[in-house]
Amino acid sequence: MNKLFSFAAGTICGALVGAAVVLLTTPASGDDLRANVNARIQLALSEARQAMEETRQAKEAEFEQMKQGR
């Protein structure tokens, strides 16, 4: 488990550094860049919320099945 956590932490850190480098070297104006970043953040947040809701519903259904199986 510790190796998995270390790998995940390294992957996330690498992704953040890579994203920062791309943002700093992108040939776009500041306003365009901010709008693009905000749009991507909103898209990622909405996808994460959707995935969270789907997982919550699946786990609730699984829990109900377990309760009925008593």
C-alpha atoms as a PDB file:
ATOM      1  CA  MET A   1       0.000   0.000   0.000  1.00  0.00           C
ATOM      2  CA  ASN A   2       2.873   2.365   0.793  1.00  0.00           C
ATOM      3  CA  LYS A   3       4.378   1.824  -2.667  1.00  0.00           C
ATOM      4  CA  LEU A   4       1.035   2.570  -4.297  1.00  0.00           C
ATOM      5  CA  PHE A   5       0.671   5.780  -2.289  1.00  0.00           C
ATOM      6  CA  SER A   6       4.215   6.859  -3.200  1.00  0.00           C
ATOM      7  CA  PHE A   7       3.576   6.148  -6.864  1.00  0.00           C
ATOM      8  CA  ALA A   8       0.283   8.075  -6.811  1.00  0.00           C
ATOM      9  CA  ALA A   9       1.879  11.033  -5.010  1.00  0.00           C
ATOM     10  CA  GLY A  10       4.744  11.112  -7.518  1.00  0.00           C
ATOM     11  CA  THR A  11       2.339  10.925 -10.433  1.00  0.00           C
ATOM     12  CA  ILE A  12       0.249  13.794  -9.092  1.00  0.00           C
ATOM     13  CA  CYS A  13       3.314  15.944  -8.398  1.00  0.00           C
ATOM     14  CA  GLY A  14       4.674  15.249 -11.864  1.00  0.00           C
ATOM     15  CA  ALA A  15       1.357  16.153 -13.452  1.00  0.00           C
ATOM     16  CA  LEU A  16       1.211  19.429 -11.534  1.00  0.00           C
ATOM     17  CA  VAL A  17       4.763  20.373 -12.504  1.00  0.00           C
ATOM     18  CA  GLY A  18       4.057  19.458 -16.128  1.00  0.00           C
ATOM     19  CA  ALA A  19       0.867  21.517 -16.136  1.00  0.00           C
ATOM     20  CA  ALA A  20       2.694  24.516 -14.683  1.00  0.00           C
ATOM     21  CA  VAL A  21       5.417  24.279 -17.343  1.00  0.00           C
ATOM     22  CA  VAL A  22       2.837  24.082 -20.117  1.00  0.00           C
ATOM     23  CA  LEU A  23       0.924  27.054 -18.732  1.00  0.00           C
ATOM     24  CA  LEU A  24       4.073  29.144 -18.501  1.00  0.00           C
ATOM     25  CA  THR A  25       5.255  28.322 -22.021  1.00  0.00           C
ATOM     26  CA  THR A  26       1.913  28.546 -23.837  1.00  0.00           C
ATOM     27  CA  PRO A  27       1.833  31.263 -26.499  1.00  0.00           C
ATOM     28  CA  ALA A  28      -1.583  32.683 -25.532  1.00  0.00           C
ATOM     29  CA  SER A  29      -2.667  35.947 -24.004  1.00  0.00           C
ATOM     30  CA  GLY A  30      -3.299  36.082 -20.298  1.00  0.00           C
ATOM     31  CA  ASP A  31      -7.057  36.498 -20.650  1.00  0.00           C
ATOM     32  CA  ASP A  32      -7.348  33.617 -23.110  1.00  0.00           C
ATOM     33  CA  LEU A  33      -5.182  31.412 -20.928  1.00  0.00           C
ATOM     34  CA  ARG A  34      -7.198  32.168 -17.784  1.00  0.00           C
ATOM     35  CA  ALA A  35     -10.476  31.506 -19.593  1.00  0.00           C
ATOM     36  CA  ASN A  36      -9.146  28.218 -20.947  1.00  0.00           C
ATOM     37  CA  VAL A  37      -7.839  27.123 -17.548  1.00  0.00           C
ATOM     38  CA  ASN A  38     -11.116  28.042 -15.846  1.00  0.00           C
ATOM     39  CA  ALA A  39     -13.115  26.129 -18.455  1.00  0.00           C
ATOM     40  CA  ARG A  40     -10.949  23.045 -17.986  1.00  0.00           C
ATOM     41  CA  ILE A  41     -11.199  23.272 -14.208  1.00  0.00           C
ATOM     42  CA  GLN A  42     -14.986  23.541 -14.388  1.00  0.00           C
ATOM     43  CA  LEU A  43     -15.127  20.554 -16.747  1.00  0.00           C
ATOM     44  CA  ALA A  44     -12.918  18.481 -14.454  1.00  0.00           C
ATOM     45  CA  LEU A  45     -15.002  19.439 -11.413  1.00  0.00           C
ATOM     46  CA  SER A  46     -18.266  18.564 -13.115  1.00  0.00           C
ATOM     47  CA  GLU A  47     -16.864  15.203 -14.254  1.00  0.00           C
ATOM     48  CA  ALA A  48     -15.602  14.510 -10.732  1.00  0.00           C
ATOM     49  CA  ARG A  49     -18.986  15.406  -9.240  1.00  0.00           C
ATOM     50  CA  GLN A  50     -20.727  13.134 -11.737  1.00  0.00           C
ATOM     51  CA  ALA A  51     -18.365  10.253 -10.962  1.00  0.00           C
ATOM     52  CA  MET A  52     -18.846  10.821  -7.238  1.00  0.00           C
ATOM     53  CA  GLU A  53     -22.637  10.770  -7.606  1.00  0.00           C
ATOM     54  CA  GLU A  54     -22.548   7.582  -9.696  1.00  0.00           C
ATOM     55  CA  THR A  55     -20.287   5.897  -7.153  1.00  0.00           C
ATOM     56  CA  ARG A  56     -22.496   7.032  -4.277  1.00  0.00           C
ATOM     57  CA  GLN A  57     -25.599   5.627  -5.964  1.00  0.00           C
ATOM     58  CA  ALA A  58     -23.865   2.320  -6.696  1.00  0.00           C
ATOM     59  CA  LYS A  59     -22.639   2.002  -3.109  1.00  0.00           C
ATOM     60  CA  GLU A  60     -26.076   2.855  -1.715  1.00  0.00           C
ATOM     61  CA  ALA A  61     -27.641   0.170  -3.922  1.00  0.00           C
ATOM     62  CA  GLU A  62     -24.980  -2.310  -2.803  1.00  0.00           C
ATOM     63  CA  PHE A  63     -25.645  -1.416   0.829  1.00  0.00           C
ATOM     64  CA  GLU A  64     -29.399  -1.916   0.402  1.00  0.00           C
ATOM     65  CA  GLN A  65     -28.774  -5.327  -1.134  1.00  0.00           C
ATOM     66  CA  MET A  66     -26.561  -6.264   1.808  1.00  0.00           C
ATOM     67  CA  LYS A  67     -29.231  -5.128   4.295  1.00  0.00           C
ATOM     68  CA  GLN A  68     -31.871  -7.237   2.572  1.00  0.00           C
ATOM     69  CA  GLY A  69     -29.593 -10.253   2.526  1.00  0.00           C
ATOM     70  CA  ARG A  70     -29.504 -10.423   6.339  1.00  0.00           C
END
